[in-house]
Full PDB file with SEQRES, HELIX, SHEET, SSBOND, CRYST1, ORIGX, SCALE, CONECT and MASTER records, all heavy atoms in Angstrom:
SEQRES   1 A   44  GLN GLY THR THR VAL ALA ALA GLN ALA VAL PHE CYS ALA          
SEQRES   2 A   44  GLY LEU TRP SER ASP ARG LEU ALA VAL ALA CYS GLY ALA          
SEQRES   3 A   44  PRO ALA ASP PRO ARG ILE VAL PRO PHE ARG GLY GLY TYR          
SEQRES   4 A   44  LEU LYS LEU ALA PRO                                          
HELIX    1 AA1 GLY A   14  TRP A   16  5                                   3    
HELIX    2 AA2 SER A   17  ALA A   23  1                                   7    
CRYST1    1.000    1.000    1.000  90.00  90.00  90.00 P 1           1          
ORIGX1      1.000000  0.000000  0.000000        0.00000                         
ORIGX2      0.000000  1.000000  0.000000        0.00000                         
ORIGX3      0.000000  0.000000  1.000000        0.00000                         
SCALE1      1.000000  0.000000  0.000000        0.00000                         
SCALE2      0.000000  1.000000  0.000000        0.00000                         
SCALE3      0.000000  0.000000  1.000000        0.00000                         
ATOM      1  N   GLN A   1      -7.092   8.717  19.218  1.00  0.00           N  
ATOM      2  CA  GLN A   1      -7.188   7.428  19.898  1.00  0.00           C  
ATOM      3  C   GLN A   1      -5.874   6.576  19.712  1.00  0.00           C  
ATOM      4  O   GLN A   1      -5.911   5.404  20.002  1.00  0.00           O  
ATOM      5  CB  GLN A   1      -8.366   6.630  19.443  1.00  0.00           C  
ATOM      6  CG  GLN A   1      -9.675   7.414  19.731  1.00  0.00           C  
ATOM      7  CD  GLN A   1     -10.880   6.434  19.638  1.00  0.00           C  
ATOM      8  OE1 GLN A   1     -10.918   5.443  20.293  1.00  0.00           O  
ATOM      9  NE2 GLN A   1     -11.863   6.813  18.813  1.00  0.00           N  
ATOM     10  N   GLY A   2      -4.883   7.200  19.192  1.00  0.00           N  
ATOM     11  CA  GLY A   2      -3.588   6.444  19.001  1.00  0.00           C  
ATOM     12  C   GLY A   2      -3.034   6.642  17.593  1.00  0.00           C  
ATOM     13  O   GLY A   2      -3.023   7.702  17.070  1.00  0.00           O  
ATOM     14  N   THR A   3      -2.535   5.540  17.026  1.00  0.00           N  
ATOM     15  CA  THR A   3      -1.963   5.539  15.711  1.00  0.00           C  
ATOM     16  C   THR A   3      -2.440   4.368  14.929  1.00  0.00           C  
ATOM     17  O   THR A   3      -2.552   3.222  15.437  1.00  0.00           O  
ATOM     18  CB  THR A   3      -0.438   5.480  15.800  1.00  0.00           C  
ATOM     19  OG1 THR A   3       0.092   6.634  16.507  1.00  0.00           O  
ATOM     20  CG2 THR A   3       0.256   5.497  14.380  1.00  0.00           C  
ATOM     21  N   THR A   4      -2.777   4.599  13.660  1.00  0.00           N  
ATOM     22  CA  THR A   4      -3.159   3.520  12.746  1.00  0.00           C  
ATOM     23  C   THR A   4      -2.150   3.581  11.597  1.00  0.00           C  
ATOM     24  O   THR A   4      -1.982   4.626  10.947  1.00  0.00           O  
ATOM     25  CB  THR A   4      -4.596   3.699  12.195  1.00  0.00           C  
ATOM     26  OG1 THR A   4      -5.470   3.623  13.293  1.00  0.00           O  
ATOM     27  CG2 THR A   4      -4.949   2.682  11.141  1.00  0.00           C  
ATOM     28  N   VAL A   5      -1.552   2.444  11.259  1.00  0.00           N  
ATOM     29  CA  VAL A   5      -0.603   2.349  10.189  1.00  0.00           C  
ATOM     30  C   VAL A   5      -1.323   1.769   8.946  1.00  0.00           C  
ATOM     31  O   VAL A   5      -1.861   0.656   9.038  1.00  0.00           O  
ATOM     32  CB  VAL A   5       0.631   1.541  10.545  1.00  0.00           C  
ATOM     33  CG1 VAL A   5       1.604   1.435   9.337  1.00  0.00           C  
ATOM     34  CG2 VAL A   5       1.332   2.123  11.775  1.00  0.00           C  
ATOM     35  N   ALA A   6      -1.388   2.516   7.862  1.00  0.00           N  
ATOM     36  CA  ALA A   6      -2.152   2.125   6.633  1.00  0.00           C  
ATOM     37  C   ALA A   6      -1.207   2.019   5.471  1.00  0.00           C  
ATOM     38  O   ALA A   6      -0.211   2.769   5.348  1.00  0.00           O  
ATOM     39  CB  ALA A   6      -3.262   3.053   6.395  1.00  0.00           C  
ATOM     40  N   ALA A   7      -1.460   1.138   4.596  1.00  0.00           N  
ATOM     41  CA  ALA A   7      -0.691   0.996   3.316  1.00  0.00           C  
ATOM     42  C   ALA A   7      -0.971   2.276   2.458  1.00  0.00           C  
ATOM     43  O   ALA A   7      -0.028   2.861   1.844  1.00  0.00           O  
ATOM     44  CB  ALA A   7      -1.026  -0.261   2.552  1.00  0.00           C  
ATOM     45  N   GLN A   8      -2.238   2.728   2.473  1.00  0.00           N  
ATOM     46  CA  GLN A   8      -2.623   3.936   1.721  1.00  0.00           C  
ATOM     47  C   GLN A   8      -3.769   4.621   2.401  1.00  0.00           C  
ATOM     48  O   GLN A   8      -4.498   4.000   3.175  1.00  0.00           O  
ATOM     49  CB  GLN A   8      -3.109   3.556   0.281  1.00  0.00           C  
ATOM     50  CG  GLN A   8      -1.976   3.042  -0.604  1.00  0.00           C  
ATOM     51  CD  GLN A   8      -2.586   2.660  -2.011  1.00  0.00           C  
ATOM     52  OE1 GLN A   8      -3.473   1.828  -2.076  1.00  0.00           O  
ATOM     53  NE2 GLN A   8      -2.103   3.301  -3.054  1.00  0.00           N  
ATOM     54  N   ALA A   9      -3.921   5.937   2.134  1.00  0.00           N  
ATOM     55  CA  ALA A   9      -4.972   6.703   2.799  1.00  0.00           C  
ATOM     56  C   ALA A   9      -5.516   7.708   1.819  1.00  0.00           C  
ATOM     57  O   ALA A   9      -4.835   8.195   0.904  1.00  0.00           O  
ATOM     58  CB  ALA A   9      -4.456   7.392   4.059  1.00  0.00           C  
ATOM     59  N   VAL A  10      -6.769   7.998   2.051  1.00  0.00           N  
ATOM     60  CA  VAL A  10      -7.444   9.099   1.320  1.00  0.00           C  
ATOM     61  C   VAL A  10      -8.000  10.113   2.360  1.00  0.00           C  
ATOM     62  O   VAL A  10      -8.713   9.680   3.315  1.00  0.00           O  
ATOM     63  CB  VAL A  10      -8.651   8.575   0.449  1.00  0.00           C  
ATOM     64  CG1 VAL A  10      -9.339   9.791  -0.209  1.00  0.00           C  
ATOM     65  CG2 VAL A  10      -8.127   7.620  -0.650  1.00  0.00           C  
ATOM     66  N   PHE A  11      -7.680  11.397   2.183  1.00  0.00           N  
ATOM     67  CA  PHE A  11      -8.150  12.392   3.110  1.00  0.00           C  
ATOM     68  C   PHE A  11      -9.256  13.191   2.506  1.00  0.00           C  
ATOM     69  O   PHE A  11      -9.103  13.868   1.510  1.00  0.00           O  
ATOM     70  CB  PHE A  11      -6.955  13.327   3.455  1.00  0.00           C  
ATOM     71  CG  PHE A  11      -5.877  12.701   4.291  1.00  0.00           C  
ATOM     72  CD1 PHE A  11      -4.954  11.831   3.762  1.00  0.00           C  
ATOM     73  CD2 PHE A  11      -5.782  13.001   5.666  1.00  0.00           C  
ATOM     74  CE1 PHE A  11      -4.006  11.229   4.478  1.00  0.00           C  
ATOM     75  CE2 PHE A  11      -4.787  12.462   6.433  1.00  0.00           C  
ATOM     76  CZ  PHE A  11      -3.902  11.563   5.886  1.00  0.00           C  
ATOM     77  N   CYS A  12     -10.472  13.053   3.100  1.00  0.00           N  
ATOM     78  CA  CYS A  12     -11.667  13.814   2.694  1.00  0.00           C  
ATOM     79  C   CYS A  12     -12.062  14.653   3.896  1.00  0.00           C  
ATOM     80  O   CYS A  12     -13.190  14.436   4.406  1.00  0.00           O  
ATOM     81  CB  CYS A  12     -12.740  12.833   2.217  1.00  0.00           C  
ATOM     82  SG  CYS A  12     -12.309  11.801   0.865  1.00  0.00           S  
ATOM     83  N   ALA A  13     -11.224  15.519   4.329  1.00  0.00           N  
ATOM     84  CA  ALA A  13     -11.383  16.218   5.594  1.00  0.00           C  
ATOM     85  C   ALA A  13     -12.068  17.543   5.503  1.00  0.00           C  
ATOM     86  O   ALA A  13     -12.166  18.262   6.547  1.00  0.00           O  
ATOM     87  CB  ALA A  13     -10.028  16.397   6.277  1.00  0.00           C  
ATOM     88  N   GLY A  14     -12.613  17.955   4.359  1.00  0.00           N  
ATOM     89  CA  GLY A  14     -13.424  19.145   4.245  1.00  0.00           C  
ATOM     90  C   GLY A  14     -12.792  20.382   4.777  1.00  0.00           C  
ATOM     91  O   GLY A  14     -11.809  20.871   4.255  1.00  0.00           O  
ATOM     92  N   LEU A  15     -13.399  20.904   5.837  1.00  0.00           N  
ATOM     93  CA  LEU A  15     -12.942  22.162   6.413  1.00  0.00           C  
ATOM     94  C   LEU A  15     -11.537  22.160   6.940  1.00  0.00           C  
ATOM     95  O   LEU A  15     -10.917  23.199   7.119  1.00  0.00           O  
ATOM     96  CB  LEU A  15     -13.853  22.595   7.527  1.00  0.00           C  
ATOM     97  CG  LEU A  15     -15.269  23.088   7.026  1.00  0.00           C  
ATOM     98  CD1 LEU A  15     -16.304  22.941   8.138  1.00  0.00           C  
ATOM     99  CD2 LEU A  15     -15.161  24.569   6.601  1.00  0.00           C  
ATOM    100  N   TRP A  16     -10.985  20.933   7.234  1.00  0.00           N  
ATOM    101  CA  TRP A  16      -9.626  20.819   7.709  1.00  0.00           C  
ATOM    102  C   TRP A  16      -8.681  20.105   6.720  1.00  0.00           C  
ATOM    103  O   TRP A  16      -7.662  19.725   7.062  1.00  0.00           O  
ATOM    104  CB  TRP A  16      -9.734  20.063   9.081  1.00  0.00           C  
ATOM    105  CG  TRP A  16     -10.358  20.902  10.117  1.00  0.00           C  
ATOM    106  CD1 TRP A  16      -9.800  21.771  10.966  1.00  0.00           C  
ATOM    107  CD2 TRP A  16     -11.785  20.862  10.395  1.00  0.00           C  
ATOM    108  NE1 TRP A  16     -10.778  22.387  11.746  1.00  0.00           N  
ATOM    109  CE2 TRP A  16     -11.987  21.845  11.429  1.00  0.00           C  
ATOM    110  CE3 TRP A  16     -12.884  20.186   9.865  1.00  0.00           C  
ATOM    111  CZ2 TRP A  16     -13.224  22.144  11.949  1.00  0.00           C  
ATOM    112  CZ3 TRP A  16     -14.116  20.467  10.417  1.00  0.00           C  
ATOM    113  CH2 TRP A  16     -14.358  21.434  11.467  1.00  0.00           C  
ATOM    114  N   SER A  17      -9.162  20.086   5.485  1.00  0.00           N  
ATOM    115  CA  SER A  17      -8.385  19.356   4.457  1.00  0.00           C  
ATOM    116  C   SER A  17      -6.966  19.967   4.231  1.00  0.00           C  
ATOM    117  O   SER A  17      -6.030  19.233   3.973  1.00  0.00           O  
ATOM    118  CB  SER A  17      -9.185  19.308   3.155  1.00  0.00           C  
ATOM    119  OG  SER A  17      -9.416  20.608   2.655  1.00  0.00           O  
ATOM    120  N   ASP A  18      -6.914  21.248   4.193  1.00  0.00           N  
ATOM    121  CA  ASP A  18      -5.583  21.905   3.933  1.00  0.00           C  
ATOM    122  C   ASP A  18      -4.552  21.624   5.054  1.00  0.00           C  
ATOM    123  O   ASP A  18      -3.409  21.312   4.781  1.00  0.00           O  
ATOM    124  CB  ASP A  18      -5.776  23.383   3.659  1.00  0.00           C  
ATOM    125  CG  ASP A  18      -6.386  24.148   4.800  1.00  0.00           C  
ATOM    126  OD1 ASP A  18      -7.109  23.465   5.680  1.00  0.00           O  
ATOM    127  OD2 ASP A  18      -6.201  25.346   4.937  1.00  0.00           O  
ATOM    128  N   ARG A  19      -5.014  21.669   6.276  1.00  0.00           N  
ATOM    129  CA  ARG A  19      -4.130  21.453   7.380  1.00  0.00           C  
ATOM    130  C   ARG A  19      -3.575  20.003   7.342  1.00  0.00           C  
ATOM    131  O   ARG A  19      -2.294  19.786   7.522  1.00  0.00           O  
ATOM    132  CB  ARG A  19      -4.816  21.634   8.698  1.00  0.00           C  
ATOM    133  CG  ARG A  19      -5.092  23.109   9.049  1.00  0.00           C  
ATOM    134  CD  ARG A  19      -5.761  23.223  10.368  1.00  0.00           C  
ATOM    135  NE  ARG A  19      -6.141  24.610  10.624  1.00  0.00           N  
ATOM    136  CZ  ARG A  19      -7.007  25.012  11.567  1.00  0.00           C  
ATOM    137  NH1 ARG A  19      -7.541  24.103  12.362  1.00  0.00           N  
ATOM    138  NH2 ARG A  19      -7.309  26.265  11.732  1.00  0.00           N  
ATOM    139  N   LEU A  20      -4.405  19.024   7.069  1.00  0.00           N  
ATOM    140  CA  LEU A  20      -3.892  17.663   7.105  1.00  0.00           C  
ATOM    141  C   LEU A  20      -3.059  17.407   5.888  1.00  0.00           C  
ATOM    142  O   LEU A  20      -2.049  16.665   5.981  1.00  0.00           O  
ATOM    143  CB  LEU A  20      -5.115  16.725   7.080  1.00  0.00           C  
ATOM    144  CG  LEU A  20      -5.815  16.625   8.472  1.00  0.00           C  
ATOM    145  CD1 LEU A  20      -6.968  15.749   8.385  1.00  0.00           C  
ATOM    146  CD2 LEU A  20      -4.894  16.202   9.552  1.00  0.00           C  
ATOM    147  N   ALA A  21      -3.367  17.995   4.769  1.00  0.00           N  
ATOM    148  CA  ALA A  21      -2.558  17.870   3.553  1.00  0.00           C  
ATOM    149  C   ALA A  21      -1.150  18.419   3.778  1.00  0.00           C  
ATOM    150  O   ALA A  21      -0.128  17.770   3.446  1.00  0.00           O  
ATOM    151  CB  ALA A  21      -3.222  18.510   2.334  1.00  0.00           C  
ATOM    152  N   VAL A  22      -1.082  19.680   4.333  1.00  0.00           N  
ATOM    153  CA  VAL A  22       0.223  20.238   4.565  1.00  0.00           C  
ATOM    154  C   VAL A  22       0.954  19.433   5.597  1.00  0.00           C  
ATOM    155  O   VAL A  22       2.232  19.243   5.506  1.00  0.00           O  
ATOM    156  CB  VAL A  22       0.032  21.736   5.078  1.00  0.00           C  
ATOM    157  CG1 VAL A  22       1.372  22.307   5.515  1.00  0.00           C  
ATOM    158  CG2 VAL A  22      -0.519  22.579   3.904  1.00  0.00           C  
ATOM    159  N   ALA A  23       0.374  18.919   6.605  1.00  0.00           N  
ATOM    160  CA  ALA A  23       1.019  18.064   7.652  1.00  0.00           C  
ATOM    161  C   ALA A  23       1.578  16.801   7.029  1.00  0.00           C  
ATOM    162  O   ALA A  23       2.472  16.190   7.608  1.00  0.00           O  
ATOM    163  CB  ALA A  23       0.032  17.736   8.730  1.00  0.00           C  
ATOM    164  N   CYS A  24       1.079  16.420   5.851  1.00  0.00           N  
ATOM    165  CA  CYS A  24       1.575  15.171   5.150  1.00  0.00           C  
ATOM    166  C   CYS A  24       2.577  15.605   4.072  1.00  0.00           C  
ATOM    167  O   CYS A  24       3.053  14.719   3.326  1.00  0.00           O  
ATOM    168  CB  CYS A  24       0.431  14.418   4.550  1.00  0.00           C  
ATOM    169  SG  CYS A  24      -0.624  13.690   5.760  1.00  0.00           S  
ATOM    170  N   GLY A  25       2.861  16.882   3.943  1.00  0.00           N  
ATOM    171  CA  GLY A  25       3.885  17.279   2.939  1.00  0.00           C  
ATOM    172  C   GLY A  25       3.347  17.872   1.684  1.00  0.00           C  
ATOM    173  O   GLY A  25       4.108  18.207   0.756  1.00  0.00           O  
ATOM    174  N   ALA A  26       2.023  18.132   1.583  1.00  0.00           N  
ATOM    175  CA  ALA A  26       1.455  18.796   0.398  1.00  0.00           C  
ATOM    176  C   ALA A  26       1.779  20.284   0.479  1.00  0.00           C  
ATOM    177  O   ALA A  26       2.055  20.827   1.487  1.00  0.00           O  
ATOM    178  CB  ALA A  26      -0.020  18.498   0.355  1.00  0.00           C  
ATOM    179  N   PRO A  27       1.683  20.944  -0.676  1.00  0.00           N  
ATOM    180  CA  PRO A  27       1.902  22.416  -0.697  1.00  0.00           C  
ATOM    181  C   PRO A  27       0.813  23.180   0.119  1.00  0.00           C  
ATOM    182  O   PRO A  27      -0.284  22.665   0.286  1.00  0.00           O  
ATOM    183  CB  PRO A  27       1.799  22.797  -2.161  1.00  0.00           C  
ATOM    184  CG  PRO A  27       1.055  21.632  -2.816  1.00  0.00           C  
ATOM    185  CD  PRO A  27       1.389  20.472  -2.055  1.00  0.00           C  
ATOM    186  N   ALA A  28       1.194  24.376   0.562  1.00  0.00           N  
ATOM    187  CA  ALA A  28       0.301  25.172   1.344  1.00  0.00           C  
ATOM    188  C   ALA A  28      -0.843  25.703   0.505  1.00  0.00           C  
ATOM    189  O   ALA A  28      -1.876  26.107   1.071  1.00  0.00           O  
ATOM    190  CB  ALA A  28       1.055  26.340   2.053  1.00  0.00           C  
ATOM    191  N   ASP A  29      -0.655  25.859  -0.756  1.00  0.00           N  
ATOM    192  CA  ASP A  29      -1.627  26.410  -1.665  1.00  0.00           C  
ATOM    193  C   ASP A  29      -2.431  25.300  -2.351  1.00  0.00           C  
ATOM    194  O   ASP A  29      -1.869  24.368  -2.896  1.00  0.00           O  
ATOM    195  CB  ASP A  29      -0.821  27.221  -2.791  1.00  0.00           C  
ATOM    196  CG  ASP A  29      -1.695  28.180  -3.518  1.00  0.00           C  
ATOM    197  OD1 ASP A  29      -2.924  28.103  -3.445  1.00  0.00           O  
ATOM    198  OD2 ASP A  29      -1.084  28.961  -4.318  1.00  0.00           O  
ATOM    199  N   PRO A  30      -3.781  25.348  -2.261  1.00  0.00           N  
ATOM    200  CA  PRO A  30      -4.591  26.439  -1.720  1.00  0.00           C  
ATOM    201  C   PRO A  30      -4.955  26.299  -0.259  1.00  0.00           C  
ATOM    202  O   PRO A  30      -4.786  25.167   0.303  1.00  0.00           O  
ATOM    203  CB  PRO A  30      -5.907  26.290  -2.572  1.00  0.00           C  
ATOM    204  CG  PRO A  30      -5.949  24.780  -2.778  1.00  0.00           C  
ATOM    205  CD  PRO A  30      -4.570  24.355  -2.962  1.00  0.00           C  
ATOM    206  N   ARG A  31      -5.355  27.365   0.339  1.00  0.00           N  
ATOM    207  CA  ARG A  31      -5.732  27.420   1.747  1.00  0.00           C  
ATOM    208  C   ARG A  31      -7.291  27.387   1.825  1.00  0.00           C  
ATOM    209  O   ARG A  31      -7.986  27.955   1.027  1.00  0.00           O  
ATOM    210  CB  ARG A  31      -5.242  28.713   2.345  1.00  0.00           C  
ATOM    211  CG  ARG A  31      -5.728  29.029   3.804  1.00  0.00           C  
ATOM    212  CD  ARG A  31      -5.169  28.143   4.871  1.00  0.00           C  
ATOM    213  NE  ARG A  31      -3.716  28.058   4.797  1.00  0.00           N  
ATOM    214  CZ  ARG A  31      -2.867  28.958   5.378  1.00  0.00           C  
ATOM    215  NH1 ARG A  31      -3.408  30.054   6.004  1.00  0.00           N  
ATOM    216  NH2 ARG A  31      -1.598  28.820   5.301  1.00  0.00           N  
ATOM    217  N   ILE A  32      -7.839  26.667   2.787  1.00  0.00           N  
ATOM    218  CA  ILE A  32      -9.276  26.696   3.057  1.00  0.00           C  
ATOM    219  C   ILE A  32      -9.604  28.001   3.841  1.00  0.00           C  
ATOM    220  O   ILE A  32      -9.042  28.295   4.894  1.00  0.00           O  
ATOM    221  CB  ILE A  32      -9.741  25.490   3.834  1.00  0.00           C  
ATOM    222  CG1 ILE A  32      -9.563  24.178   3.050  1.00  0.00           C  
ATOM    223  CG2 ILE A  32     -11.180  25.638   4.372  1.00  0.00           C  
ATOM    224  CD1 ILE A  32     -10.492  24.162   1.809  1.00  0.00           C  
ATOM    225  N   VAL A  33     -10.500  28.782   3.273  1.00  0.00           N  
ATOM    226  CA  VAL A  33     -11.019  29.928   3.912  1.00  0.00           C  
ATOM    227  C   VAL A  33     -12.542  29.628   4.149  1.00  0.00           C  
ATOM    228  O   VAL A  33     -13.277  29.438   3.173  1.00  0.00           O  
ATOM    229  CB  VAL A  33     -10.832  31.184   3.114  1.00  0.00           C  
ATOM    230  CG1 VAL A  33     -11.536  32.412   3.708  1.00  0.00           C  
ATOM    231  CG2 VAL A  33      -9.362  31.513   3.006  1.00  0.00           C  
ATOM    232  N   PRO A  34     -13.010  29.615   5.381  1.00  0.00           N  
ATOM    233  CA  PRO A  34     -14.400  29.215   5.605  1.00  0.00           C  
ATOM    234  C   PRO A  34     -15.376  30.388   5.298  1.00  0.00           C  
ATOM    235  O   PRO A  34     -15.155  31.504   5.680  1.00  0.00           O  
ATOM    236  CB  PRO A  34     -14.390  28.831   7.116  1.00  0.00           C  
ATOM    237  CG  PRO A  34     -13.281  29.682   7.672  1.00  0.00           C  
ATOM    238  CD  PRO A  34     -12.245  29.788   6.645  1.00  0.00           C  
ATOM    239  N   PHE A  35     -16.438  30.058   4.636  1.00  0.00           N  
ATOM    240  CA  PHE A  35     -17.535  31.019   4.362  1.00  0.00           C  
ATOM    241  C   PHE A  35     -18.790  30.424   4.980  1.00  0.00           C  
ATOM    242  O   PHE A  35     -19.212  29.314   4.706  1.00  0.00           O  
ATOM    243  CB  PHE A  35     -17.689  31.186   2.885  1.00  0.00           C  
ATOM    244  CG  PHE A  35     -16.716  32.118   2.221  1.00  0.00           C  
ATOM    245  CD1 PHE A  35     -15.495  31.709   1.834  1.00  0.00           C  
ATOM    246  CD2 PHE A  35     -17.021  33.470   2.033  1.00  0.00           C  
ATOM    247  CE1 PHE A  35     -14.518  32.487   1.269  1.00  0.00           C  
ATOM    248  CE2 PHE A  35     -16.084  34.340   1.495  1.00  0.00           C  
ATOM    249  CZ  PHE A  35     -14.813  33.885   1.044  1.00  0.00           C  
ATOM    250  N   ARG A  36     -19.400  31.314   5.789  1.00  0.00           N  
ATOM    251  CA  ARG A  36     -20.632  30.843   6.458  1.00  0.00           C  
ATOM    252  C   ARG A  36     -21.840  31.154   5.566  1.00  0.00           C  
ATOM    253  O   ARG A  36     -22.002  32.331   5.078  1.00  0.00           O  
ATOM    254  CB  ARG A  36     -20.811  31.600   7.821  1.00  0.00           C  
ATOM    255  CG  ARG A  36     -22.057  31.174   8.635  1.00  0.00           C  
ATOM    256  CD  ARG A  36     -22.189  31.961   9.882  1.00  0.00           C  
ATOM    257  NE  ARG A  36     -23.305  31.543  10.700  1.00  0.00           N  
ATOM    258  CZ  ARG A  36     -24.571  31.955  10.540  1.00  0.00           C  
ATOM    259  NH1 ARG A  36     -24.856  32.844   9.612  1.00  0.00           N  
ATOM    260  NH2 ARG A  36     -25.518  31.524  11.340  1.00  0.00           N  
ATOM    261  N   GLY A  37     -22.676  30.174   5.339  1.00  0.00           N  
ATOM    262  CA  GLY A  37     -23.930  30.367   4.573  1.00  0.00           C  
ATOM    263  C   GLY A  37     -25.044  30.244   5.474  1.00  0.00           C  
ATOM    264  O   GLY A  37     -25.357  29.177   6.028  1.00  0.00           O  
ATOM    265  N   GLY A  38     -25.820  31.326   5.683  1.00  0.00           N  
ATOM    266  CA  GLY A  38     -27.015  31.280   6.539  1.00  0.00           C  
ATOM    267  C   GLY A  38     -28.243  31.327   5.669  1.00  0.00           C  
ATOM    268  O   GLY A  38     -28.291  32.038   4.689  1.00  0.00           O  
ATOM    269  N   TYR A  39     -29.280  30.645   6.103  1.00  0.00           N  
ATOM    270  CA  TYR A  39     -30.538  30.606   5.392  1.00  0.00           C  
ATOM    271  C   TYR A  39     -31.610  31.306   6.278  1.00  0.00           C  
ATOM    272  O   TYR A  39     -31.552  31.272   7.496  1.00  0.00           O  
ATOM    273  CB  TYR A  39     -31.025  29.189   5.069  1.00  0.00           C  
ATOM    274  CG  TYR A  39     -30.228  28.500   4.036  1.00  0.00           C  
ATOM    275  CD1 TYR A  39     -29.133  27.725   4.325  1.00  0.00           C  
ATOM    276  CD2 TYR A  39     -30.697  28.548   2.679  1.00  0.00           C  
ATOM    277  CE1 TYR A  39     -28.436  27.065   3.344  1.00  0.00           C  
ATOM    278  CE2 TYR A  39     -29.994  27.898   1.738  1.00  0.00           C  
ATOM    279  CZ  TYR A  39     -28.874  27.153   2.026  1.00  0.00           C  
ATOM    280  OH  TYR A  39     -28.160  26.516   1.036  1.00  0.00           O  
ATOM    281  N   LEU A  40     -32.651  31.841   5.625  1.00  0.00           N  
ATOM    282  CA  LEU A  40     -33.927  32.223   6.241  1.00  0.00           C  
ATOM    283  C   LEU A  40     -34.988  31.230   5.819  1.00  0.00           C  
ATOM    284  O   LEU A  40     -34.896  30.628   4.703  1.00  0.00           O  
ATOM    285  CB  LEU A  40     -34.344  33.646   5.831  1.00  0.00           C  
ATOM    286  CG  LEU A  40     -33.415  34.789   6.188  1.00  0.00           C  
ATOM    287  CD1 LEU A  40     -33.923  36.032   5.536  1.00  0.00           C  
ATOM    288  CD2 LEU A  40     -33.270  34.907   7.662  1.00  0.00           C  
ATOM    289  N   LYS A  41     -35.918  30.995   6.705  1.00  0.00           N  
ATOM    290  CA  LYS A  41     -37.037  30.115   6.396  1.00  0.00           C  
ATOM    291  C   LYS A  41     -38.328  30.878   6.234  1.00  0.00           C  
ATOM    292  O   LYS A  41     -38.726  31.638   7.169  1.00  0.00           O  
ATOM    293  CB  LYS A  41     -37.185  29.035   7.521  1.00  0.00           C  
ATOM    294  CG  LYS A  41     -38.177  27.972   7.215  1.00  0.00           C  
ATOM    295  CD  LYS A  41     -38.044  26.778   8.163  1.00  0.00           C  
ATOM    296  CE  LYS A  41     -38.237  27.135   9.581  1.00  0.00           C  
ATOM    297  NZ  LYS A  41     -38.176  25.966  10.537  1.00  0.00           N  
ATOM    298  N   LEU A  42     -39.022  30.724   5.109  1.00  0.00           N  
ATOM    299  CA  LEU A  42     -40.260  31.398   4.814  1.00  0.00           C  
ATOM    300  C   LEU A  42     -41.361  30.849   5.765  1.00  0.00           C  
ATOM    301  O   LEU A  42     -41.436  29.669   6.011  1.00  0.00           O  
ATOM    302  CB  LEU A  42     -40.673  31.235   3.415  1.00  0.00           C  
ATOM    303  CG  LEU A  42     -40.029  32.162   2.353  1.00  0.00           C  
ATOM    304  CD1 LEU A  42     -40.489  31.811   0.985  1.00  0.00           C  
ATOM    305  CD2 LEU A  42     -40.388  33.608   2.647  1.00  0.00           C  
ATOM    306  N   ALA A  43     -42.238  31.821   6.232  1.00  0.00           N  
ATOM    307  CA  ALA A  43     -43.384  31.435   6.941  1.00  0.00           C  
ATOM    308  C   ALA A  43     -44.271  30.550   6.022  1.00  0.00           C  
ATOM    309  O   ALA A  43     -44.240  30.662   4.813  1.00  0.00           O  
ATOM    310  CB  ALA A  43     -44.199  32.625   7.406  1.00  0.00           C  
ATOM    311  N   PRO A  44     -45.063  29.621   6.592  1.00  0.00           N  
ATOM    312  CA  PRO A  44     -45.823  28.686   5.723  1.00  0.00           C  
ATOM    313  C   PRO A  44     -46.671  29.341   4.680  1.00  0.00           C  
ATOM    314  O   PRO A  44     -46.793  28.870   3.568  1.00  0.00           O  
ATOM    315  CB  PRO A  44     -46.649  27.942   6.783  1.00  0.00           C  
ATOM    316  CG  PRO A  44     -45.809  27.957   8.030  1.00  0.00           C  
ATOM    317  CD  PRO A  44     -45.178  29.285   8.011  1.00  0.00           C  
TER     318      PRO A  44                                                      
MASTER        0    0    0    2    0    0    0    6  317    1    0    4          
END                                                                             
């Protein structure tokens, strides 16, 4: 939606945290590798 200029920022971007950190100059290590966790639901 544009640009916001902030004095300070905290990035809590979860699944996309590594990309945004690297885009701000942080090291590439570690990399986010997504793991899918699927559940089964027991019958009543």
